[in-house]
Amino acid sequence: MSENPADPAGSGRRFCLVASRYNRVITDRLVAGARDALLRRGARPEDIDVVHVPGAWELAAAVRQASRAGYDAIVALGCVVRGETPHFDYICQGATYALSRLAITEDTPIAFGLITADTLEQAKDRVGGRHGHKGEEAAVAALEMCGVFDQIAEAST
């Protein structure tokens, strides 16, 4: 484990990327960025599993199952783009709430990589555009939380 939180180590850890198929033009890029970030930090390709779900609403159910499957960290990845109805608000609020509940109730680090954007262009700006890469950021946060969980476990013994 790296002592520097800015450079967390992925070596020897198993990861699950749970990704929505909806808005795949964005979510495929989120997965690629998260995977690349993990590989650059020492994770092996065979230690990174990708599970696809239909949409953002289904992320939490798959994340919950993955949290019980022995992964060291899970990264939830999705994209919801505002439409003409309030559906956007319900999906974003429900998915965010469910993922946040899992993050505090499960014993596995769970990172949030769900983009909620008003337009497709805004979403594209968040997968390697002018607002960084949210897939990479979520993967690095998951790695850092692995280190935090390790520190807590070590301190409690």
Protein backbone atom coordinates (compact mmCIF):
# COMPACT_ATOMS: atom_id res chain seq x y z
CA MET A 1 0.00 0.00 0.00
CA SER A 2 1.24 3.44 -0.90
CA GLU A 3 1.60 5.95 1.90
CA ASN A 4 0.85 8.75 -0.56
CA PRO A 5 -2.93 9.06 -1.07
CA ALA A 6 -2.24 10.87 -4.35
CA ASP A 7 -0.67 7.64 -5.67
CA PRO A 8 -2.68 4.75 -4.24
CA ALA A 9 -1.55 1.24 -5.19
CA GLY A 10 -3.81 -1.23 -6.99
CA SER A 11 -1.43 -4.17 -6.92
CA GLY A 12 -2.86 -7.27 -5.31
CA ARG A 13 -6.41 -5.96 -5.24
CA ARG A 14 -9.57 -7.03 -7.12
CA PHE A 15 -11.97 -4.48 -8.57
CA CYS A 16 -15.46 -4.49 -9.99
CA LEU A 17 -16.56 -1.75 -12.34
CA VAL A 18 -20.36 -1.70 -12.43
CA ALA A 19 -21.42 0.27 -15.48
CA SER A 20 -24.72 1.34 -16.96
CA ARG A 21 -25.34 0.52 -20.63
CA TYR A 22 -27.64 3.52 -20.99
CA ASN A 23 -25.81 6.45 -22.62
CA ARG A 24 -23.10 3.99 -23.63
CA VAL A 25 -21.25 6.65 -25.63
CA ILE A 26 -20.36 8.08 -22.22
CA THR A 27 -20.32 5.00 -19.99
CA ASP A 28 -17.89 3.11 -22.24
CA ARG A 29 -15.49 6.01 -21.81
CA LEU A 30 -16.05 6.00 -18.04
CA VAL A 31 -15.16 2.30 -17.94
CA ALA A 32 -12.08 2.81 -20.12
CA GLY A 33 -10.86 5.66 -17.93
CA ALA A 34 -11.46 3.80 -14.68
CA ARG A 35 -9.77 0.68 -16.01
CA ASP A 36 -6.79 2.67 -17.27
CA ALA A 37 -6.42 4.47 -13.93
CA LEU A 38 -6.38 1.15 -12.07
CA LEU A 39 -3.87 -0.41 -14.46
CA ARG A 40 -1.55 2.61 -14.19
CA ARG A 41 -1.56 2.13 -10.44
CA GLY A 42 -0.57 -1.53 -10.48
CA ALA A 43 -3.80 -3.48 -10.87
CA ARG A 44 -3.58 -6.47 -13.20
CA PRO A 45 -6.08 -6.72 -16.09
CA GLU A 46 -7.39 -10.03 -14.74
CA ASP A 47 -8.19 -8.37 -11.41
CA ILE A 48 -10.62 -5.88 -12.97
CA ASP A 49 -14.11 -7.18 -13.72
CA VAL A 50 -16.69 -5.15 -15.62
CA VAL A 51 -20.39 -5.79 -15.02
CA HIS A 52 -23.01 -4.01 -17.12
CA VAL A 53 -26.51 -3.13 -15.96
CA PRO A 54 -29.34 -1.60 -18.01
CA GLY A 55 -29.28 1.90 -16.51
CA ALA A 56 -28.35 4.09 -13.56
CA TRP A 57 -31.32 2.84 -11.54
CA GLU A 58 -29.90 -0.70 -11.56
CA LEU A 59 -26.40 0.28 -10.46
CA ALA A 60 -27.10 -0.06 -6.74
CA ALA A 61 -28.48 -3.60 -6.96
CA ALA A 62 -25.39 -4.84 -8.82
CA VAL A 63 -23.04 -2.87 -6.56
CA ARG A 64 -24.65 -4.52 -3.55
CA GLN A 65 -24.08 -7.98 -5.01
CA ALA A 66 -20.50 -7.11 -5.95
CA SER A 67 -19.82 -5.84 -2.42
CA ARG A 68 -20.60 -9.32 -1.13
CA ALA A 69 -18.50 -11.11 -3.76
CA GLY A 70 -15.09 -10.37 -2.25
CA TYR A 71 -13.88 -7.42 -4.32
CA ASP A 72 -11.51 -4.98 -2.68
CA ALA A 73 -13.36 -2.02 -4.21
CA ILE A 74 -16.27 -1.27 -6.51
CA VAL A 75 -16.68 1.63 -8.91
CA ALA A 76 -20.23 2.54 -9.97
CA LEU A 77 -20.26 4.20 -13.40
CA GLY A 78 -23.20 5.68 -15.25
CA CYS A 79 -24.61 8.67 -17.03
CA VAL A 80 -28.02 10.31 -16.89
CA VAL A 81 -28.78 13.18 -19.26
CA ARG A 82 -31.71 15.47 -18.55
CA GLY A 83 -34.73 15.02 -20.78
CA GLU A 84 -38.05 16.81 -21.05
CA THR A 85 -39.71 15.19 -18.04
CA PRO A 86 -38.95 14.93 -14.30
CA HIS A 87 -37.77 11.34 -14.86
CA PHE A 88 -34.16 12.64 -14.76
CA ASP A 89 -34.64 13.98 -11.23
CA TYR A 90 -36.14 10.74 -9.92
CA ILE A 91 -33.46 8.53 -11.45
CA CYS A 92 -30.59 10.75 -10.32
CA GLN A 93 -31.93 11.15 -6.80
CA GLY A 94 -32.80 7.47 -6.38
CA ALA A 95 -29.54 6.15 -7.80
CA THR A 96 -27.45 8.61 -5.80
CA TYR A 97 -29.29 7.85 -2.58
CA ALA A 98 -29.04 4.09 -3.04
CA LEU A 99 -25.32 4.21 -3.86
CA SER A 100 -24.60 6.51 -0.92
CA ARG A 101 -26.44 4.15 1.44
CA LEU A 102 -24.37 1.24 0.18
CA ALA A 103 -21.16 3.22 0.58
CA ILE A 104 -21.83 3.66 4.28
CA THR A 105 -23.37 0.27 5.05
CA GLU A 106 -21.16 -2.15 3.12
CA ASP A 107 -17.65 -3.18 4.17
CA THR A 108 -16.22 -2.57 0.70
CA PRO A 109 -15.14 0.81 -0.67
CA ILE A 110 -17.69 1.98 -3.24
CA ALA A 111 -16.82 4.88 -5.51
CA PHE A 112 -19.37 7.13 -7.20
CA GLY A 113 -18.86 7.68 -10.93
CA LEU A 114 -22.38 8.63 -11.98
CA ILE A 115 -22.47 11.64 -14.28
CA THR A 116 -25.68 13.68 -14.12
CA ALA A 117 -25.71 16.27 -16.89
CA ASP A 118 -28.14 18.62 -18.55
CA THR A 119 -26.76 17.82 -22.01
CA LEU A 120 -24.72 15.16 -23.76
CA GLU A 121 -22.02 17.77 -24.35
CA GLN A 122 -21.73 18.36 -20.59
CA ALA A 123 -21.36 14.62 -20.10
CA LYS A 124 -18.65 14.42 -22.78
CA ASP A 125 -16.77 17.23 -21.02
CA ARG A 126 -16.56 14.92 -17.97
CA VAL A 127 -15.02 11.91 -19.73
CA GLY A 128 -11.74 13.40 -20.86
CA GLY A 129 -12.93 16.87 -21.78
CA ARG A 130 -12.49 20.18 -20.03
CA HIS A 131 -13.85 18.88 -16.73
CA GLY A 132 -11.44 15.96 -16.35
CA HIS A 133 -12.35 12.29 -16.42
CA LYS A 134 -14.89 11.17 -13.85
CA GLY A 135 -14.18 7.47 -14.49
CA GLU A 136 -10.52 7.94 -13.63
CA GLU A 137 -11.39 10.07 -10.61
CA ALA A 138 -13.81 7.46 -9.26
CA ALA A 139 -11.26 4.65 -9.69
CA VAL A 140 -8.58 6.65 -7.87
CA ALA A 141 -11.06 7.42 -5.07
CA ALA A 142 -11.81 3.68 -4.76
CA LEU A 143 -8.08 2.94 -4.48
CA GLU A 144 -7.59 5.64 -1.91
CA MET A 145 -10.48 4.29 0.15
CA CYS A 146 -8.88 0.83 0.04
CA GLY A 147 -5.88 2.44 1.71
CA VAL A 148 -8.09 4.20 4.25
CA PHE A 149 -9.87 0.93 5.10
CA ASP A 150 -6.45 -0.76 5.48
CA GLN A 151 -5.23 2.00 7.81
CA ILE A 152 -8.32 1.70 9.97
CA ALA A 153 -8.00 -2.09 10.15
CA GLU A 154 -4.30 -1.83 11.08
CA ALA A 155 -4.97 0.80 13.74
CA SER A 156 -7.69 -1.28 15.34
CA THR A 157 -5.45 -4.31 15.94
